[in-house]
C-alpha atoms as a PDB file:
ATOM      1  CA  UNK A   1      58.134   9.545 -34.632  1.00  0.00           C
ATOM      2  CA  UNK A   2      54.821  11.366 -34.760  1.00  0.00           C
ATOM      3  CA  UNK A   3      52.885   8.608 -36.506  1.00  0.00           C
ATOM      4  CA  UNK A   4      53.179   5.932 -33.778  1.00  0.00           C
ATOM      5  CA  UNK A   5      51.965   8.468 -31.255  1.00  0.00           C
ATOM      6  CA  UNK A   6      48.571   8.851 -32.969  1.00  0.00           C
ATOM      7  CA  UNK A   7      47.322   5.299 -32.288  1.00  0.00           C
ATOM      8  CA  UNK A   8      48.625   5.635 -28.740  1.00  0.00           C
ATOM      9  CA  UNK A   9      46.656   8.856 -28.316  1.00  0.00           C
ATOM     10  CA  UNK A  10      43.530   7.098 -29.592  1.00  0.00           C
ATOM     11  CA  UNK A  11      44.066   4.280 -27.099  1.00  0.00           C
ATOM     12  CA  UNK A  12      44.496   6.720 -24.212  1.00  0.00           C
ATOM     13  CA  UNK A  13      41.351   8.639 -25.229  1.00  0.00           C
ATOM     14  CA  UNK A  14      39.370   5.404 -25.506  1.00  0.00           C
ATOM     15  CA  UNK A  15      40.613   4.292 -22.094  1.00  0.00           C
ATOM     16  CA  UNK A  16      39.687   7.611 -20.482  1.00  0.00           C
ATOM     17  CA  UNK A  17      36.268   7.582 -22.161  1.00  0.00           C
ATOM     18  CA  UNK A  18      35.594   4.097 -20.830  1.00  0.00           C
ATOM     19  CA  UNK A  19      36.605   5.206 -17.325  1.00  0.00           C
ATOM     20  CA  UNK A  20      34.319   8.255 -17.523  1.00  0.00           C
ATOM     21  CA  UNK A  21      31.416   6.069 -18.613  1.00  0.00           C
ATOM     22  CA  UNK A  22      32.052   3.621 -15.767  1.00  0.00           C
ATOM     23  CA  UNK A  23      32.248   6.461 -13.261  1.00  0.00           C
ATOM     24  CA  UNK A  24      29.034   7.988 -14.592  1.00  0.00           C
ATOM     25  CA  UNK A  25      27.252   4.630 -14.353  1.00  0.00           C
ATOM     26  CA  UNK A  26      28.475   4.129 -10.796  1.00  0.00           C
ATOM     27  CA  UNK A  27      27.231   7.582  -9.814  1.00  0.00           C
ATOM     28  CA  UNK A  28      23.839   6.871 -11.357  1.00  0.00           C
ATOM     29  CA  UNK A  29      23.618   3.622  -9.410  1.00  0.00           C
ATOM     30  CA  UNK A  30      24.512   5.393  -6.165  1.00  0.00           C
ATOM     31  CA  UNK A  31      22.315   8.428  -6.815  1.00  0.00           C
ATOM     32  CA  UNK A  32      19.129   7.072  -5.205  1.00  0.00           C
ATOM     33  CA  UNK A  33      20.758   6.181  -1.888  1.00  0.00           C
ATOM     34  CA  UNK A  34      22.812   9.387  -1.902  1.00  0.00           C
ATOM     35  CA  UNK A  35      19.712  11.497  -2.441  1.00  0.00           C
ATOM     36  CA  UNK A  36      17.600   9.593   0.082  1.00  0.00           C
ATOM     37  CA  UNK A  37      20.428   9.693   2.629  1.00  0.00           C
ATOM     38  CA  UNK A  38      20.165  13.495   2.739  1.00  0.00           C
ATOM     39  CA  UNK A  39      16.361  13.717   2.547  1.00  0.00           C
ATOM     40  CA  UNK A  40      14.701  14.985   5.730  1.00  0.00           C
ATOM     41  CA  UNK A  41      11.037  14.721   4.681  1.00  0.00           C
ATOM     42  CA  UNK A  42       8.742  12.184   3.079  1.00  0.00           C
ATOM     43  CA  UNK A  43       5.172  12.359   1.717  1.00  0.00           C
ATOM     44  CA  UNK A  44       3.536   8.934   1.495  1.00  0.00           C
ATOM     45  CA  UNK A  45       0.400   7.397   0.014  1.00  0.00           C
ATOM     46  CA  UNK A  46      -0.498   3.882   1.162  1.00  0.00           C
ATOM     47  CA  UNK A  47      -2.140   2.380  -1.936  1.00  0.00           C
ATOM     48  CA  UNK A  48      -3.343  -0.713  -0.073  1.00  0.00           C
ATOM     49  CA  UNK A  49      -4.943   1.482   2.606  1.00  0.00           C
ATOM     50  CA  UNK A  50      -7.005   3.375  -0.007  1.00  0.00           C
ATOM     51  CA  UNK A  51      -9.287   0.331  -0.254  1.00  0.00           C
ATOM     52  CA  UNK A  52     -10.714   1.525   3.061  1.00  0.00           C
ATOM     53  CA  UNK A  53      -9.369   5.046   3.573  1.00  0.00           C
ATOM     54  CA  UNK A  54      -7.903   7.865   1.513  1.00  0.00           C
ATOM     55  CA  UNK A  55      -4.684   8.672   3.320  1.00  0.00           C
ATOM     56  CA  UNK A  56      -1.652  10.939   3.248  1.00  0.00           C
ATOM     57  CA  UNK A  57       1.339  10.678   5.580  1.00  0.00           C
ATOM     58  CA  UNK A  58       4.150  13.101   6.400  1.00  0.00           C
ATOM     59  CA  UNK A  59       7.420  11.729   7.777  1.00  0.00           C
ATOM     60  CA  UNK A  60      10.301  13.614   9.364  1.00  0.00           C
ATOM     61  CA  UNK A  61      13.766  12.213  10.017  1.00  0.00           C
ATOM     62  CA  UNK A  62      14.666  12.303  13.704  1.00  0.00           C
ATOM     63  CA  UNK A  63      17.921  10.339  13.419  1.00  0.00           C
ATOM     64  CA  UNK A  64      19.689   8.149  10.874  1.00  0.00           C
ATOM     65  CA  UNK A  65      17.657   5.156  12.035  1.00  0.00           C
ATOM     66  CA  UNK A  66      14.397   6.692  13.282  1.00  0.00           C
ATOM     67  CA  UNK A  67      11.608   8.526  11.436  1.00  0.00           C
ATOM     68  CA  UNK A  68       8.362   9.909  12.899  1.00  0.00           C
ATOM     69  CA  UNK A  69       5.250   9.703  10.699  1.00  0.00           C
ATOM     70  CA  UNK A  70       1.808  11.342  10.981  1.00  0.00           C
ATOM     71  CA  UNK A  71      -1.011   9.980   8.800  1.00  0.00           C
ATOM     72  CA  UNK A  72      -4.397  11.597   8.157  1.00  0.00           C
ATOM     73  CA  UNK A  73      -7.164   9.570   6.545  1.00  0.00           C
ATOM     74  CA  UNK A  74     -10.842   9.625   5.614  1.00  0.00           C
ATOM     75  CA  UNK A  75     -13.105   6.792   4.383  1.00  0.00           C
ATOM     76  CA  UNK A  76     -12.854   5.979   0.660  1.00  0.00           C
ATOM     77  CA  UNK A  77     -15.933   3.675   0.464  1.00  0.00           C
ATOM     78  CA  UNK A  78     -14.190   1.561  -2.186  1.00  0.00           C
ATOM     79  CA  UNK A  79     -14.898  -1.732  -0.394  1.00  0.00           C
ATOM     80  CA  UNK A  80     -18.241  -1.265   1.349  1.00  0.00           C
ATOM     81  CA  UNK A  81     -21.360  -1.977  -0.702  1.00  0.00           C
ATOM     82  CA  UNK A  82     -23.329   0.857  -2.265  1.00  0.00           C
ATOM     83  CA  UNK A  83     -25.977   0.358   0.451  1.00  0.00           C
ATOM     84  CA  UNK A  84     -23.555   1.355   3.207  1.00  0.00           C
ATOM     85  CA  UNK A  85     -21.665   4.660   3.238  1.00  0.00           C
ATOM     86  CA  UNK A  86     -19.002   5.605   5.736  1.00  0.00           C
ATOM     87  CA  UNK A  87     -17.893   9.114   6.683  1.00  0.00           C
ATOM     88  CA  UNK A  88     -15.461  10.390   9.289  1.00  0.00           C
ATOM     89  CA  UNK A  89     -11.746  10.856   9.806  1.00  0.00           C
ATOM     90  CA  UNK A  90      -8.738   9.237  11.394  1.00  0.00           C
ATOM     91  CA  UNK A  91      -5.158   9.995  12.418  1.00  0.00           C
ATOM     92  CA  UNK A  92      -2.172   7.756  13.122  1.00  0.00           C
ATOM     93  CA  UNK A  93       1.193   8.425  14.746  1.00  0.00           C
ATOM     94  CA  UNK A  94       3.970   6.023  13.846  1.00  0.00           C
ATOM     95  CA  UNK A  95       7.622   5.562  14.703  1.00  0.00           C
ATOM     96  CA  UNK A  96       9.708   3.845  12.031  1.00  0.00           C
ATOM     97  CA  UNK A  97      13.043   2.203  12.865  1.00  0.00           C
ATOM     98  CA  UNK A  98      15.400   1.352   9.979  1.00  0.00           C
ATOM     99  CA  UNK A  99      17.991  -0.875  11.647  1.00  0.00           C
ATOM    100  CA  UNK A 100      20.337  -0.653   8.627  1.00  0.00           C
ATOM    101  CA  UNK A 101      20.709   3.085   9.257  1.00  0.00           C
ATOM    102  CA  UNK A 102      19.656   4.121   5.734  1.00  0.00           C
ATOM    103  CA  UNK A 103      16.867   6.460   6.794  1.00  0.00           C
ATOM    104  CA  UNK A 104      14.014   5.796   4.345  1.00  0.00           C
ATOM    105  CA  UNK A 105      15.520   2.644   2.792  1.00  0.00           C
ATOM    106  CA  UNK A 106      15.808  -0.994   3.810  1.00  0.00           C
ATOM    107  CA  UNK A 107      14.044  -3.089   6.429  1.00  0.00           C
ATOM    108  CA  UNK A 108      12.047  -1.382   9.156  1.00  0.00           C
ATOM    109  CA  UNK A 109       9.712  -1.966  12.108  1.00  0.00           C
ATOM    110  CA  UNK A 110       6.986   0.561  12.874  1.00  0.00           C
ATOM    111  CA  UNK A 111       4.766   0.564  16.010  1.00  0.00           C
ATOM    112  CA  UNK A 112       1.823   2.940  15.710  1.00  0.00           C
ATOM    113  CA  UNK A 113      -1.131   4.500  17.543  1.00  0.00           C
ATOM    114  CA  UNK A 114      -4.361   5.578  15.868  1.00  0.00           C
ATOM    115  CA  UNK A 115      -7.751   7.194  16.432  1.00  0.00           C
ATOM    116  CA  UNK A 116     -10.755   6.894  14.103  1.00  0.00           C
ATOM    117  CA  UNK A 117     -14.276   8.292  14.217  1.00  0.00           C
ATOM    118  CA  UNK A 118     -16.758   6.965  11.666  1.00  0.00           C
ATOM    119  CA  UNK A 119     -20.449   7.067  10.892  1.00  0.00           C
ATOM    120  CA  UNK A 120     -22.029   4.273   8.857  1.00  0.00           C
ATOM    121  CA  UNK A 121     -25.318   4.968   7.059  1.00  0.00           C
ATOM    122  CA  UNK A 122     -27.275   2.206   5.331  1.00  0.00           C
ATOM    123  CA  UNK A 123     -29.251   2.985   2.195  1.00  0.00           C
ATOM    124  CA  UNK A 124     -32.839   2.333   1.178  1.00  0.00           C
ATOM    125  CA  UNK A 125     -31.819  -0.987  -0.344  1.00  0.00           C
ATOM    126  CA  UNK A 126     -32.040  -2.733   3.031  1.00  0.00           C
ATOM    127  CA  UNK A 127     -35.023  -5.093   2.958  1.00  0.00           C
ATOM    128  CA  UNK A 128     -37.378  -6.372   4.151  1.00  0.00           C
ATOM    129  CA  UNK A 129     -38.963  -3.538   6.106  1.00  0.00           C
ATOM    130  CA  UNK A 130     -40.349  -6.134   8.506  1.00  0.00           C
ATOM    131  CA  UNK A 131     -36.812  -6.300   9.889  1.00  0.00           C
ATOM    132  CA  UNK A 132     -37.300  -2.672  10.973  1.00  0.00           C
ATOM    133  CA  UNK A 133     -40.392  -2.483  13.227  1.00  0.00           C
ATOM    134  CA  UNK A 134     -40.456   1.324  13.059  1.00  0.00           C
ATOM    135  CA  UNK A 135     -40.819   1.204   9.265  1.00  0.00           C
ATOM    136  CA  UNK A 136     -37.540   2.932   8.471  1.00  0.00           C
ATOM    137  CA  UNK A 137     -35.205   1.627   5.822  1.00  0.00           C
ATOM    138  CA  UNK A 138     -32.177   3.635   6.957  1.00  0.00           C
ATOM    139  CA  UNK A 139     -29.915   2.839   9.878  1.00  0.00           C
ATOM    140  CA  UNK A 140     -27.004   4.761  11.382  1.00  0.00           C
ATOM    141  CA  UNK A 141     -24.079   3.725  13.523  1.00  0.00           C
ATOM    142  CA  UNK A 142     -21.431   6.018  15.021  1.00  0.00           C
ATOM    143  CA  UNK A 143     -18.229   4.418  16.237  1.00  0.00           C
ATOM    144  CA  UNK A 144     -15.040   5.783  17.795  1.00  0.00           C
ATOM    145  CA  UNK A 145     -12.025   3.580  18.402  1.00  0.00           C
ATOM    146  CA  UNK A 146      -8.344   3.620  19.190  1.00  0.00           C
ATOM    147  CA  UNK A 147      -5.818   1.265  17.646  1.00  0.00           C
ATOM    148  CA  UNK A 148      -2.403  -0.041  18.661  1.00  0.00           C
ATOM    149  CA  UNK A 149      -0.367  -1.939  16.109  1.00  0.00           C
ATOM    150  CA  UNK A 150       2.954  -2.733  14.501  1.00  0.00           C
ATOM    151  CA  UNK A 151       4.040  -3.067  10.880  1.00  0.00           C
ATOM    152  CA  UNK A 152       7.223  -4.534   9.449  1.00  0.00           C
ATOM    153  CA  UNK A 153       8.341  -3.915   5.891  1.00  0.00           C
ATOM    154  CA  UNK A 154      10.940  -2.968   3.312  1.00  0.00           C
ATOM    155  CA  UNK A 155      11.496   0.262   1.320  1.00  0.00           C
ATOM    156  CA  UNK A 156      13.642   0.898  -1.759  1.00  0.00           C
ATOM    157  CA  UNK A 157      14.271   3.476  -4.511  1.00  0.00           C
ATOM    158  CA  UNK A 158      15.133   3.208  -8.211  1.00  0.00           C
ATOM    159  CA  UNK A 159      17.835   4.951 -10.238  1.00  0.00           C
ATOM    160  CA  UNK A 160      15.475   6.469 -12.814  1.00  0.00           C
ATOM    161  CA  UNK A 161      13.500   8.326 -10.120  1.00  0.00           C
ATOM    162  CA  UNK A 162      15.818   8.745  -7.104  1.00  0.00           C
ATOM    163  CA  UNK A 163      13.320  10.820  -5.088  1.00  0.00           C
ATOM    164  CA  UNK A 164      10.665   8.110  -5.332  1.00  0.00           C
ATOM    165  CA  UNK A 165      10.535   5.522  -2.528  1.00  0.00           C
ATOM    166  CA  UNK A 166       8.479   2.337  -2.835  1.00  0.00           C
ATOM    167  CA  UNK A 167       7.561   0.101   0.073  1.00  0.00           C
ATOM    168  CA  UNK A 168       5.683  -2.997   1.186  1.00  0.00           C
ATOM    169  CA  UNK A 169       4.763  -4.154   4.661  1.00  0.00           C
ATOM    170  CA  UNK A 170       2.591  -6.426   6.768  1.00  0.00           C
ATOM    171  CA  UNK A 171       1.416  -6.234  10.358  1.00  0.00           C
ATOM    172  CA  UNK A 172      -1.543  -6.229  12.735  1.00  0.00           C
ATOM    173  CA  UNK A 173      -3.420  -3.812  14.967  1.00  0.00           C
ATOM    174  CA  UNK A 174      -5.671  -4.123  18.006  1.00  0.00           C
ATOM    175  CA  UNK A 175      -8.755  -1.882  17.773  1.00  0.00           C
ATOM    176  CA  UNK A 176     -10.405  -0.720  21.007  1.00  0.00           C
ATOM    177  CA  UNK A 177     -13.958   0.612  20.627  1.00  0.00           C
ATOM    178  CA  UNK A 178     -14.401   3.659  22.876  1.00  0.00           C
ATOM    179  CA  UNK A 179     -18.014   4.514  22.015  1.00  0.00           C
ATOM    180  CA  UNK A 180     -20.784   3.232  19.786  1.00  0.00           C
ATOM    181  CA  UNK A 181     -24.251   4.617  19.002  1.00  0.00           C
ATOM    182  CA  UNK A 182     -26.878   2.972  16.809  1.00  0.00           C
ATOM    183  CA  UNK A 183     -30.219   4.234  15.515  1.00  0.00           C
ATOM    184  CA  UNK A 184     -32.875   2.987  13.117  1.00  0.00           C
ATOM    185  CA  UNK A 185     -32.250  -0.619  14.115  1.00  0.00           C
ATOM    186  CA  UNK A 186     -34.416  -3.072  16.091  1.00  0.00           C
ATOM    187  CA  UNK A 187     -33.735  -3.403  19.809  1.00  0.00           C
ATOM    188  CA  UNK A 188     -31.915  -6.735  19.597  1.00  0.00           C
ATOM    189  CA  UNK A 189     -29.436  -5.237  17.112  1.00  0.00           C
ATOM    190  CA  UNK A 190     -28.931  -2.027  19.122  1.00  0.00           C
ATOM    191  CA  UNK A 191     -27.999  -4.132  22.132  1.00  0.00           C
ATOM    192  CA  UNK A 192     -25.207  -5.772  20.196  1.00  0.00           C
ATOM    193  CA  UNK A 193     -21.662  -4.462  19.921  1.00  0.00           C
ATOM    194  CA  UNK A 194     -18.877  -4.886  17.406  1.00  0.00           C
ATOM    195  CA  UNK A 195     -16.414  -5.038  20.304  1.00  0.00           C
ATOM    196  CA  UNK A 196     -12.635  -4.915  20.281  1.00  0.00           C
ATOM    197  CA  UNK A 197     -10.826  -6.841  17.586  1.00  0.00           C
ATOM    198  CA  UNK A 198      -7.459  -7.595  16.002  1.00  0.00           C
ATOM    199  CA  UNK A 199      -7.176  -6.751  12.298  1.00  0.00           C
ATOM    200  CA  UNK A 200      -4.377  -7.492   9.806  1.00  0.00           C
ATOM    201  CA  UNK A 201      -2.589  -4.621   8.067  1.00  0.00           C
ATOM    202  CA  UNK A 202      -1.111  -4.761   4.577  1.00  0.00           C
ATOM    203  CA  UNK A 203       0.975  -1.877   3.239  1.00  0.00           C
ATOM    204  CA  UNK A 204       1.996  -0.844  -0.283  1.00  0.00           C
ATOM    205  CA  UNK A 205       3.408   2.693  -0.269  1.00  0.00           C
ATOM    206  CA  UNK A 206       4.571   5.300  -2.766  1.00  0.00           C
ATOM    207  CA  UNK A 207       6.589   8.160  -1.264  1.00  0.00           C
ATOM    208  CA  UNK A 208       8.348  11.328  -2.383  1.00  0.00           C
ATOM    209  CA  UNK A 209      11.491  12.315  -0.487  1.00  0.00           C
ATOM    210  CA  UNK A 210      13.158  15.702  -0.304  1.00  0.00           C
END
C-alpha cells in the first residue's frame, strides 16, 4: 500500500511547486503597479528637455488621480552654437491628472506655468565687425518670460525595476516675454523684439518613485 502513495506524493509536490511558481510570477508582474500605487514622491529627469535645459522635477501625490510637480532648470547649451552661450534659471509648476487613477502610471494631462530668466552672450566668432558699428564683437541679450502650456503623455514601469517610471509626452506652450534688454548690437537690431510665441514641447522622462 505504501508504494502507490510515492508517485502520488510526487505528483502532489509537482502540482504545488507549479502553483508556487505561478503565484510568484504573478506577484512579480504585479509588483511595479503595487509599488507605484503606494509611492508618494517622484524625482524626474526630462531627457528631451536636457537639449535646452538641465532639469530636475519633484512630484508629490495629492490624490489618487492628481500629482503636483515642481521643476527647476538651468540652460544646458547643448543645442546653441559655440558662439552663443546662455545662462540663467527657470522654474515650472505643473498639475498632472491621471484619469485611470493609477497615480504615476497610465495616460495623463498636465497643464503648467513657468518662469525663465536667461542671458545670451555671443562670442568673438561673430563677423564681420562692420555689422557692429561700435567695433565690439560681443553682444548680450537678457530676456525674462512666462509660459503657459499643456502636455499629454503616458507613463509606465517595468517588472525588473519597479521603482523606475518611464514616460513620453507631447504638448505646446505659449511664451510671454516680460522684459528684454540688448547691448552690443546696432540700433536696428536693438529695436527689434523676439516677441511672444508658441513653442512645441516633447517629453521623455525617467523617474524614481518612493
